PDB file of N, CA and C in Angstrom:
ATOM      1  N   MET A   1      -3.778  16.854  -3.409  1.00  0.00           N
ATOM      2  CA  MET A   1      -2.609  16.299  -3.035  1.00  0.00           C
ATOM      3  C   MET A   1      -2.333  15.161  -4.192  1.00  0.00           C
ATOM      4  N   GLU A   2      -1.224  15.273  -4.613  1.00  0.00           N
ATOM      5  CA  GLU A   2      -0.577  14.242  -5.846  1.00  0.00           C
ATOM      6  C   GLU A   2      -0.011  13.068  -5.263  1.00  0.00           C
ATOM      7  N   ILE A   3      -0.688  11.852  -5.457  1.00  0.00           N
ATOM      8  CA  ILE A   3      -0.303  10.636  -5.100  1.00  0.00           C
ATOM      9  C   ILE A   3       0.838  10.121  -6.088  1.00  0.00           C
ATOM     10  N   THR A   4       1.735   9.482  -5.722  1.00  0.00           N
ATOM     11  CA  THR A   4       2.683   8.835  -6.610  1.00  0.00           C
ATOM     12  C   THR A   4       2.816   7.546  -6.191  1.00  0.00           C
ATOM     13  N   LYS A   5       3.770   6.423  -6.998  1.00  0.00           N
ATOM     14  CA  LYS A   5       3.982   5.134  -6.441  1.00  0.00           C
ATOM     15  C   LYS A   5       4.740   5.271  -5.285  1.00  0.00           C
ATOM     16  N   ASP A   6       5.812   6.261  -5.266  1.00  0.00           N
ATOM     17  CA  ASP A   6       6.631   6.379  -4.264  1.00  0.00           C
ATOM     18  C   ASP A   6       5.894   6.409  -2.943  1.00  0.00           C
ATOM     19  N   LYS A   7       4.743   7.206  -2.689  1.00  0.00           N
ATOM     20  CA  LYS A   7       4.181   7.862  -1.660  1.00  0.00           C
ATOM     21  C   LYS A   7       3.409   6.507  -1.238  1.00  0.00           C
ATOM     22  N   ALA A   8       2.827   5.770  -2.081  1.00  0.00           N
ATOM     23  CA  ALA A   8       1.962   4.581  -1.573  1.00  0.00           C
ATOM     24  C   ALA A   8       2.912   3.703  -1.131  1.00  0.00           C
ATOM     25  N   ALA A   9       4.156   3.294  -1.878  1.00  0.00           N
ATOM     26  CA  ALA A   9       5.008   2.380  -1.265  1.00  0.00           C
ATOM     27  C   ALA A   9       5.377   2.672  -0.063  1.00  0.00           C
ATOM     28  N   LYS A  10       5.660   3.910   0.400  1.00  0.00           N
ATOM     29  CA  LYS A  10       6.319   4.537   1.631  1.00  0.00           C
ATOM     30  C   LYS A  10       5.321   4.093   2.645  1.00  0.00           C
ATOM     31  N   LYS A  11       3.810   4.298   2.422  1.00  0.00           N
ATOM     32  CA  LYS A  11       2.828   3.944   3.294  1.00  0.00           C
ATOM     33  C   LYS A  11       2.541   2.597   3.335  1.00  0.00           C
ATOM     34  N   LEU A  12       2.645   1.890   2.354  1.00  0.00           N
ATOM     35  CA  LEU A  12       2.716   0.368   2.684  1.00  0.00           C
ATOM     36  C   LEU A  12       3.991  -0.061   3.312  1.00  0.00           C
ATOM     37  N   LEU A  13       4.932   0.332   3.202  1.00  0.00           N
ATOM     38  CA  LEU A  13       6.066   0.019   4.029  1.00  0.00           C
ATOM     39  C   LEU A  13       6.113   0.398   5.438  1.00  0.00           C
ATOM     40  N   SER A  14       5.483   1.596   5.536  1.00  0.00           N
ATOM     41  CA  SER A  14       5.164   2.078   7.240  1.00  0.00           C
ATOM     42  C   SER A  14       4.257   0.968   8.023  1.00  0.00           C
ATOM     43  N   TYR A  15       3.218   0.196   7.137  1.00  0.00           N
ATOM     44  CA  TYR A  15       2.642  -0.487   7.688  1.00  0.00           C
ATOM     45  C   TYR A  15       3.336  -1.901   7.814  1.00  0.00           C
ATOM     46  N   LEU A  16       4.141  -2.269   6.881  1.00  0.00           N
ATOM     47  CA  LEU A  16       5.020  -3.622   6.970  1.00  0.00           C
ATOM     48  C   LEU A  16       5.844  -3.286   8.253  1.00  0.00           C
ATOM     49  N   GLN A  17       6.167  -2.173   8.741  1.00  0.00           N
ATOM     50  CA  GLN A  17       7.494  -2.042   9.501  1.00  0.00           C
ATOM     51  C   GLN A  17       6.642  -1.892  10.912  1.00  0.00           C
ATOM     52  N   ASN A  18       5.438  -1.910  11.117  1.00  0.00           N
ATOM     53  CA  ASN A  18       4.552  -1.741  12.334  1.00  0.00           C
ATOM     54  C   ASN A  18       4.538  -0.328  12.563  1.00  0.00           C
ATOM     55  N   LYS A  19       4.881   0.505  11.853  1.00  0.00           N
ATOM     56  CA  LYS A  19       4.834   2.080  12.040  1.00  0.00           C
ATOM     57  C   LYS A  19       3.319   2.559  12.250  1.00  0.00           C
ATOM     58  N   ILE A  20       2.275   2.066  11.381  1.00  0.00           N
ATOM     59  CA  ILE A  20       1.020   2.255  11.376  1.00  0.00           C
ATOM     60  C   ILE A  20       0.241   0.943  11.345  1.00  0.00           C
ATOM     61  N   SER A  21      -0.947   0.999  11.553  1.00  0.00           N
ATOM     62  CA  SER A  21      -1.854  -0.150  11.972  1.00  0.00           C
ATOM     63  C   SER A  21      -2.540  -0.608  10.475  1.00  0.00           C
ATOM     64  N   LEU A  22      -3.183  -1.345  10.290  1.00  0.00           N
ATOM     65  CA  LEU A  22      -3.748  -2.161   9.096  1.00  0.00           C
ATOM     66  C   LEU A  22      -4.975  -1.268   9.019  1.00  0.00           C
ATOM     67  N   THR A  23      -5.854  -0.514   9.965  1.00  0.00           N
ATOM     68  CA  THR A  23      -6.729   0.153   9.894  1.00  0.00           C
ATOM     69  C   THR A  23      -6.422   1.615   9.439  1.00  0.00           C
ATOM     70  N   ARG A  24      -5.386   1.925   9.723  1.00  0.00           N
ATOM     71  CA  ARG A  24      -4.761   3.225   9.344  1.00  0.00           C
ATOM     72  C   ARG A  24      -4.431   3.317   8.039  1.00  0.00           C
ATOM     73  N   LEU A  25      -3.901   2.122   7.369  1.00  0.00           N
ATOM     74  CA  LEU A  25      -3.330   1.934   6.160  1.00  0.00           C
ATOM     75  C   LEU A  25      -4.611   1.915   5.129  1.00  0.00           C
ATOM     76  N   ILE A  26      -5.770   1.198   5.541  1.00  0.00           N
ATOM     77  CA  ILE A  26      -6.954   0.981   4.727  1.00  0.00           C
ATOM     78  C   ILE A  26      -7.567   2.237   4.764  1.00  0.00           C
ATOM     79  N   ASP A  27      -7.769   3.038   5.851  1.00  0.00           N
ATOM     80  CA  ASP A  27      -8.554   4.152   5.733  1.00  0.00           C
ATOM     81  C   ASP A  27      -7.718   5.234   4.696  1.00  0.00           C
ATOM     82  N   TRP A  28      -6.250   5.414   4.958  1.00  0.00           N
ATOM     83  CA  TRP A  28      -5.513   6.068   3.929  1.00  0.00           C
ATOM     84  C   TRP A  28      -5.894   5.668   2.562  1.00  0.00           C
ATOM     85  N   ALA A  29      -5.940   4.549   2.462  1.00  0.00           N
ATOM     86  CA  ALA A  29      -6.152   4.204   0.938  1.00  0.00           C
ATOM     87  C   ALA A  29      -7.601   4.447   0.545  1.00  0.00           C
ATOM     88  N   GLU A  30      -8.578   4.179   1.133  1.00  0.00           N
ATOM     89  CA  GLU A  30     -10.075   4.676   0.835  1.00  0.00           C
ATOM     90  C   GLU A  30      -9.889   5.935   0.657  1.00  0.00           C
ATOM     91  N   ASN A  31      -9.382   6.828   1.369  1.00  0.00           N
ATOM     92  CA  ASN A  31      -9.647   8.189   1.490  1.00  0.00           C
ATOM     93  C   ASN A  31      -8.624   8.902   0.287  1.00  0.00           C
ATOM     94  N   THR A  32      -7.619   8.310   0.104  1.00  0.00           N
ATOM     95  CA  THR A  32      -6.650   8.624  -1.335  1.00  0.00           C
ATOM     96  C   THR A  32      -7.214   8.345  -2.558  1.00  0.00           C
ATOM     97  N   ILE A  33      -8.063   7.063  -2.729  1.00  0.00           N
ATOM     98  CA  ILE A  33      -8.527   6.858  -4.068  1.00  0.00           C
ATOM     99  C   ILE A  33      -9.634   7.585  -4.206  1.00  0.00           C
ATOM    100  N   MET A  34     -10.396   8.249  -3.270  1.00  0.00           N
ATOM    101  CA  MET A  34     -11.439   9.070  -3.450  1.00  0.00           C
ATOM    102  C   MET A  34     -11.016  10.469  -3.603  1.00  0.00           C
ATOM    103  N   GLU A  35      -9.959  11.051  -3.237  1.00  0.00           N
ATOM    104  CA  GLU A  35      -9.758  12.224  -3.091  1.00  0.00           C
ATOM    105  C   GLU A  35      -8.345  12.908  -3.717  1.00  0.00           C
ATOM    106  N   ALA A  36      -7.452  12.049  -3.866  1.00  0.00           N
ATOM    107  CA  ALA A  36      -5.991  12.558  -4.568  1.00  0.00           C
ATOM    108  C   ALA A  36      -5.920  12.565  -5.968  1.00  0.00           C
ATOM    109  N   ASP A  37      -5.108  13.404  -6.229  1.00  0.00           N
ATOM    110  CA  ASP A  37      -4.949  13.284  -7.802  1.00  0.00           C
ATOM    111  C   ASP A  37      -3.574  12.209  -7.945  1.00  0.00           C
ATOM    112  N   PHE A  38      -3.709  11.532  -9.033  1.00  0.00           N
ATOM    113  CA  PHE A  38      -2.536  10.511  -9.388  1.00  0.00           C
ATOM    114  C   PHE A  38      -1.558  11.109 -10.439  1.00  0.00           C
ATOM    115  N   ARG A  39      -0.467  10.998 -10.342  1.00  0.00           N
ATOM    116  CA  ARG A  39       0.460  11.216 -11.062  1.00  0.00           C
ATOM    117  C   ARG A  39       0.331  10.704 -12.473  1.00  0.00           C
ATOM    118  N   GLU A  40       0.469  11.372 -13.537  1.00  0.00           N
ATOM    119  CA  GLU A  40       0.292  10.964 -15.025  1.00  0.00           C
ATOM    120  C   GLU A  40       1.089   9.726 -15.176  1.00  0.00           C
ATOM    121  N   GLY A  41       0.118   8.678 -15.843  1.00  0.00           N
ATOM    122  CA  GLY A  41       1.148   7.437 -15.955  1.00  0.00           C
ATOM    123  C   GLY A  41       1.114   6.641 -15.047  1.00  0.00           C
ATOM    124  N   GLU A  42       0.807   6.963 -13.607  1.00  0.00           N
ATOM    125  CA  GLU A  42       0.691   5.924 -12.614  1.00  0.00           C
ATOM    126  C   GLU A  42      -0.608   5.678 -12.134  1.00  0.00           C
ATOM    127  N   GLU A  43      -1.717   6.249 -12.792  1.00  0.00           N
ATOM    128  CA  GLU A  43      -2.932   6.036 -12.426  1.00  0.00           C
ATOM    129  C   GLU A  43      -3.426   4.612 -12.211  1.00  0.00           C
ATOM    130  N   LYS A  44      -3.177   3.754 -13.186  1.00  0.00           N
ATOM    131  CA  LYS A  44      -3.658   2.401 -13.393  1.00  0.00           C
ATOM    132  C   LYS A  44      -2.969   1.676 -12.039  1.00  0.00           C
ATOM    133  N   THR A  45      -1.733   1.763 -12.100  1.00  0.00           N
ATOM    134  CA  THR A  45      -1.057   0.910 -10.932  1.00  0.00           C
ATOM    135  C   THR A  45      -1.606   1.535  -9.499  1.00  0.00           C
ATOM    136  N   LEU A  46      -1.760   2.796  -9.421  1.00  0.00           N
ATOM    137  CA  LEU A  46      -2.157   3.385  -7.840  1.00  0.00           C
ATOM    138  C   LEU A  46      -3.482   3.046  -7.867  1.00  0.00           C
ATOM    139  N   ARG A  47      -4.338   3.103  -8.601  1.00  0.00           N
ATOM    140  CA  ARG A  47      -5.809   2.603  -8.231  1.00  0.00           C
ATOM    141  C   ARG A  47      -5.837   1.199  -7.996  1.00  0.00           C
ATOM    142  N   GLU A  48      -5.155   0.110  -8.505  1.00  0.00           N
ATOM    143  CA  GLU A  48      -5.236  -1.144  -8.338  1.00  0.00           C
ATOM    144  C   GLU A  48      -4.637  -1.357  -7.076  1.00  0.00           C
ATOM    145  N   VAL A  49      -3.426  -0.753  -6.711  1.00  0.00           N
ATOM    146  CA  VAL A  49      -2.883  -1.044  -5.509  1.00  0.00           C
ATOM    147  C   VAL A  49      -3.647  -0.397  -4.238  1.00  0.00           C
ATOM    148  N   LEU A  50      -4.163   0.881  -4.468  1.00  0.00           N
ATOM    149  CA  LEU A  50      -5.112   1.486  -3.300  1.00  0.00           C
ATOM    150  C   LEU A  50      -6.388   0.596  -3.326  1.00  0.00           C
ATOM    151  N   GLY A  51      -7.044   0.216  -4.430  1.00  0.00           N
ATOM    152  CA  GLY A  51      -8.070  -0.642  -4.195  1.00  0.00           C
ATOM    153  C   GLY A  51      -8.104  -1.911  -3.576  1.00  0.00           C
ATOM    154  N   LYS A  52      -6.910  -2.545  -3.661  1.00  0.00           N
ATOM    155  CA  LYS A  52      -6.584  -3.816  -2.894  1.00  0.00           C
ATOM    156  C   LYS A  52      -6.283  -3.480  -1.471  1.00  0.00           C
ATOM    157  N   LEU A  53      -5.756  -2.252  -1.056  1.00  0.00           N
ATOM    158  CA  LEU A  53      -5.359  -1.893   0.170  1.00  0.00           C
ATOM    159  C   LEU A  53      -6.639  -1.573   0.968  1.00  0.00           C
ATOM    160  N   GLY A  54      -7.594  -0.752   0.049  1.00  0.00           N
ATOM    161  CA  GLY A  54      -8.787  -0.342   0.640  1.00  0.00           C
ATOM    162  C   GLY A  54      -9.634  -1.550   1.104  1.00  0.00           C
ATOM    163  N   LEU A  55      -9.458  -2.793   0.515  1.00  0.00           N
ATOM    164  CA  LEU A  55     -10.116  -3.948   0.792  1.00  0.00           C
ATOM    165  C   LEU A  55      -9.703  -4.954   1.971  1.00  0.00           C
ATOM    166  N   ALA A  56      -8.618  -4.491   2.155  1.00  0.00           N
ATOM    167  CA  ALA A  56      -8.010  -5.347   3.217  1.00  0.00           C
ATOM    168  C   ALA A  56      -8.771  -5.645   4.401  1.00  0.00           C
ATOM    169  N   ASP A  57      -9.529  -5.142   4.746  1.00  0.00           N
ATOM    170  CA  ASP A  57     -10.489  -5.353   6.083  1.00  0.00           C
ATOM    171  C   ASP A  57     -11.665  -6.444   5.911  1.00  0.00           C
ATOM    172  N   VAL A  58     -11.757  -6.813   4.595  1.00  0.00           N
ATOM    173  CA  VAL A  58     -12.898  -7.576   4.295  1.00  0.00           C
ATOM    174  C   VAL A  58     -12.137  -9.170   4.205  1.00  0.00           C
ATOM    175  N   ARG A  59     -12.841  -9.826   4.924  1.00  0.00           N
ATOM    176  CA  ARG A  59     -12.220 -11.398   5.271  1.00  0.00           C
ATOM    177  C   ARG A  59     -11.861 -12.130   4.004  1.00  0.00           C
ATOM    178  N   GLU A  60     -12.631 -11.828   2.883  1.00  0.00           N
ATOM    179  CA  GLU A  60     -12.239 -12.393   1.646  1.00  0.00           C
ATOM    180  C   GLU A  60     -10.992 -12.182   0.943  1.00  0.00           C
ATOM    181  N   PHE A  61     -10.800 -10.809   1.136  1.00  0.00           N
ATOM    182  CA  PHE A  61      -9.675 -10.210   0.627  1.00  0.00           C
ATOM    183  C   PHE A  61      -8.405 -10.229   1.480  1.00  0.00           C
ATOM    184  N   GLY A  62      -8.494  -9.643   2.551  1.00  0.00           N
ATOM    185  CA  GLY A  62      -7.078  -9.614   3.394  1.00  0.00           C
ATOM    186  C   GLY A  62      -6.122  -8.950   2.874  1.00  0.00           C
ATOM    187  N   LEU A  63      -4.916  -9.197   3.463  1.00  0.00           N
ATOM    188  CA  LEU A  63      -3.738  -8.523   2.977  1.00  0.00           C
ATOM    189  C   LEU A  63      -2.526  -9.728   3.565  1.00  0.00           C
ATOM    190  N   SER A  64      -2.197 -10.336   2.634  1.00  0.00           N
ATOM    191  CA  SER A  64      -1.185 -11.190   3.058  1.00  0.00           C
ATOM    192  C   SER A  64       0.306 -10.775   2.895  1.00  0.00           C
ATOM    193  N   TRP A  65       1.354 -11.441   3.168  1.00  0.00           N
ATOM    194  CA  TRP A  65       2.707 -11.199   2.979  1.00  0.00           C
ATOM    195  C   TRP A  65       2.775 -11.149   1.371  1.00  0.00           C
ATOM    196  N   GLU A  66       2.451 -11.970   0.784  1.00  0.00           N
ATOM    197  CA  GLU A  66       2.530 -12.186  -0.785  1.00  0.00           C
ATOM    198  C   GLU A  66       1.877 -11.028  -1.508  1.00  0.00           C
ATOM    199  N   ASP A  67       0.826 -10.654  -0.902  1.00  0.00           N
ATOM    200  CA  ASP A  67       0.062  -9.347  -1.548  1.00  0.00           C
ATOM    201  C   ASP A  67       0.865  -8.192  -1.460  1.00  0.00           C
ATOM    202  N   SER A  68       1.396  -8.064  -0.283  1.00  0.00           N
ATOM    203  CA  SER A  68       2.318  -6.916   0.150  1.00  0.00           C
ATOM    204  C   SER A  68       3.557  -6.973  -0.893  1.00  0.00           C
ATOM    205  N   GLU A  69       3.985  -8.098  -0.981  1.00  0.00           N
ATOM    206  CA  GLU A  69       5.424  -8.292  -2.113  1.00  0.00           C
ATOM    207  C   GLU A  69       4.759  -7.732  -3.198  1.00  0.00           C
ATOM    208  N   LYS A  70       3.960  -8.153  -3.933  1.00  0.00           N
ATOM    209  CA  LYS A  70       3.345  -7.865  -5.373  1.00  0.00           C
ATOM    210  C   LYS A  70       2.990  -6.614  -5.439  1.00  0.00           C
ATOM    211  N   MET A  71       2.385  -5.960  -4.743  1.00  0.00           N
ATOM    212  CA  MET A  71       2.111  -4.522  -4.665  1.00  0.00           C
ATOM    213  C   MET A  71       3.390  -3.594  -4.694  1.00  0.00           C
ATOM    214  N   MET A  72       4.209  -3.958  -3.734  1.00  0.00           N
ATOM    215  CA  MET A  72       5.503  -3.486  -3.789  1.00  0.00           C
ATOM    216  C   MET A  72       6.084  -3.335  -5.056  1.00  0.00           C
ATOM    217  N   ARG A  73       6.178  -4.496  -5.908  1.00  0.00           N
ATOM    218  CA  ARG A  73       6.930  -4.645  -6.895  1.00  0.00           C
ATOM    219  C   ARG A  73       6.273  -3.876  -7.736  1.00  0.00           C
ATOM    220  N   LYS A  74       5.037  -3.751  -7.945  1.00  0.00           N
ATOM    221  CA  LYS A  74       4.073  -3.096  -8.919  1.00  0.00           C
ATOM    222  C   LYS A  74       4.557  -1.491  -8.719  1.00  0.00           C
ATOM    223  N   LEU A  75       4.851  -1.181  -7.623  1.00  0.00           N
ATOM    224  CA  LEU A  75       5.090   0.135  -7.085  1.00  0.00           C
ATOM    225  C   LEU A  75       6.566   0.370  -7.505  1.00  0.00           C
ATOM    226  N   GLY A  76       7.358  -0.587  -7.780  1.00  0.00           N
ATOM    227  CA  GLY A  76       8.948  -0.268  -8.015  1.00  0.00           C
ATOM    228  C   GLY A  76      10.004  -0.817  -6.909  1.00  0.00           C
ATOM    229  N   TYR A  77       9.649  -1.232  -6.256  1.00  0.00           N
ATOM    230  CA  TYR A  77      10.395  -1.826  -4.921  1.00  0.00           C
ATOM    231  C   TYR A  77      10.340  -3.353  -4.647  1.00  0.00           C
ATOM    232  N   LYS A  78      11.291  -3.546  -4.299  1.00  0.00           N
ATOM    233  CA  LYS A  78      11.528  -5.074  -3.813  1.00  0.00           C
ATOM    234  C   LYS A  78      11.597  -5.190  -2.472  1.00  0.00           C
ATOM    235  N   ILE A  79      10.938  -5.769  -1.409  1.00  0.00           N
ATOM    236  CA  ILE A  79      11.113  -6.044  -0.095  1.00  0.00           C
ATOM    237  C   ILE A  79      12.299  -6.732   0.369  1.00  0.00           C
ATOM    238  N   ARG A  80      12.956  -6.328   1.271  1.00  0.00           N
ATOM    239  CA  ARG A  80      13.921  -7.067   1.835  1.00  0.00           C
ATOM    240  C   ARG A  80      13.685  -7.312   3.209  1.00  0.00           C
ATOM    241  N   VAL A  81      13.956  -8.632   4.003  1.00  0.00           N
ATOM    242  CA  VAL A  81      13.584  -8.663   5.433  1.00  0.00           C
ATOM    243  C   VAL A  81      14.861  -8.611   6.281  1.00  0.00           C
ATOM    244  N   ASP A  82      14.849  -8.268   7.334  1.00  0.00           N
ATOM    245  CA  ASP A  82      15.903  -8.271   8.135  1.00  0.00           C
ATOM    246  C   ASP A  82      15.509  -8.495   9.718  1.00  0.00           C
ATOM    247  N   ALA A  83      16.166  -9.236  10.340  1.00  0.00           N
ATOM    248  CA  ALA A  83      15.688  -9.673  11.788  1.00  0.00           C
ATOM    249  C   ALA A  83      16.956  -9.276  12.728  1.00  0.00           C
ATOM    250  N   THR A  84      16.395  -8.755  13.892  1.00  0.00           N
ATOM    251  CA  THR A  84      17.335  -8.515  15.045  1.00  0.00           C
ATOM    252  C   THR A  84      16.718  -9.333  16.257  1.00  0.00           C
ATOM    253  N   ALA A  85      17.444  -9.467  17.141  1.00  0.00           N
ATOM    254  CA  ALA A  85      17.268 -10.376  18.399  1.00  0.00           C
ATOM    255  C   ALA A  85      16.367  -9.302  19.150  1.00  0.00           C
ATOM    256  N   ALA A  86      15.257  -9.816  19.859  1.00  0.00           N
ATOM    257  CA  ALA A  86      14.479  -8.867  20.389  1.00  0.00           C
ATOM    258  C   ALA A  86      14.908  -8.797  21.795  1.00  0.00           C
TER     259      ALA A  86
END
């Protein structure tokens, strides 16, 4: 399976939108970094982002909002926040 910056951004966005758990995001990142083929020219960015996501369950690393914003920018996206009354 080829992984692209777009696919990685969509997976991270799914986590940020509470569609998947942090555990699921971490598992996806760990499996993807070991098994996927990276689109040519995107390897460095994808390995960096997936590596960071794969370590998000380690207390010293974690996954902050700022981390997510930086990763999305590296993947070519800008996060916009919207809120509605609950």
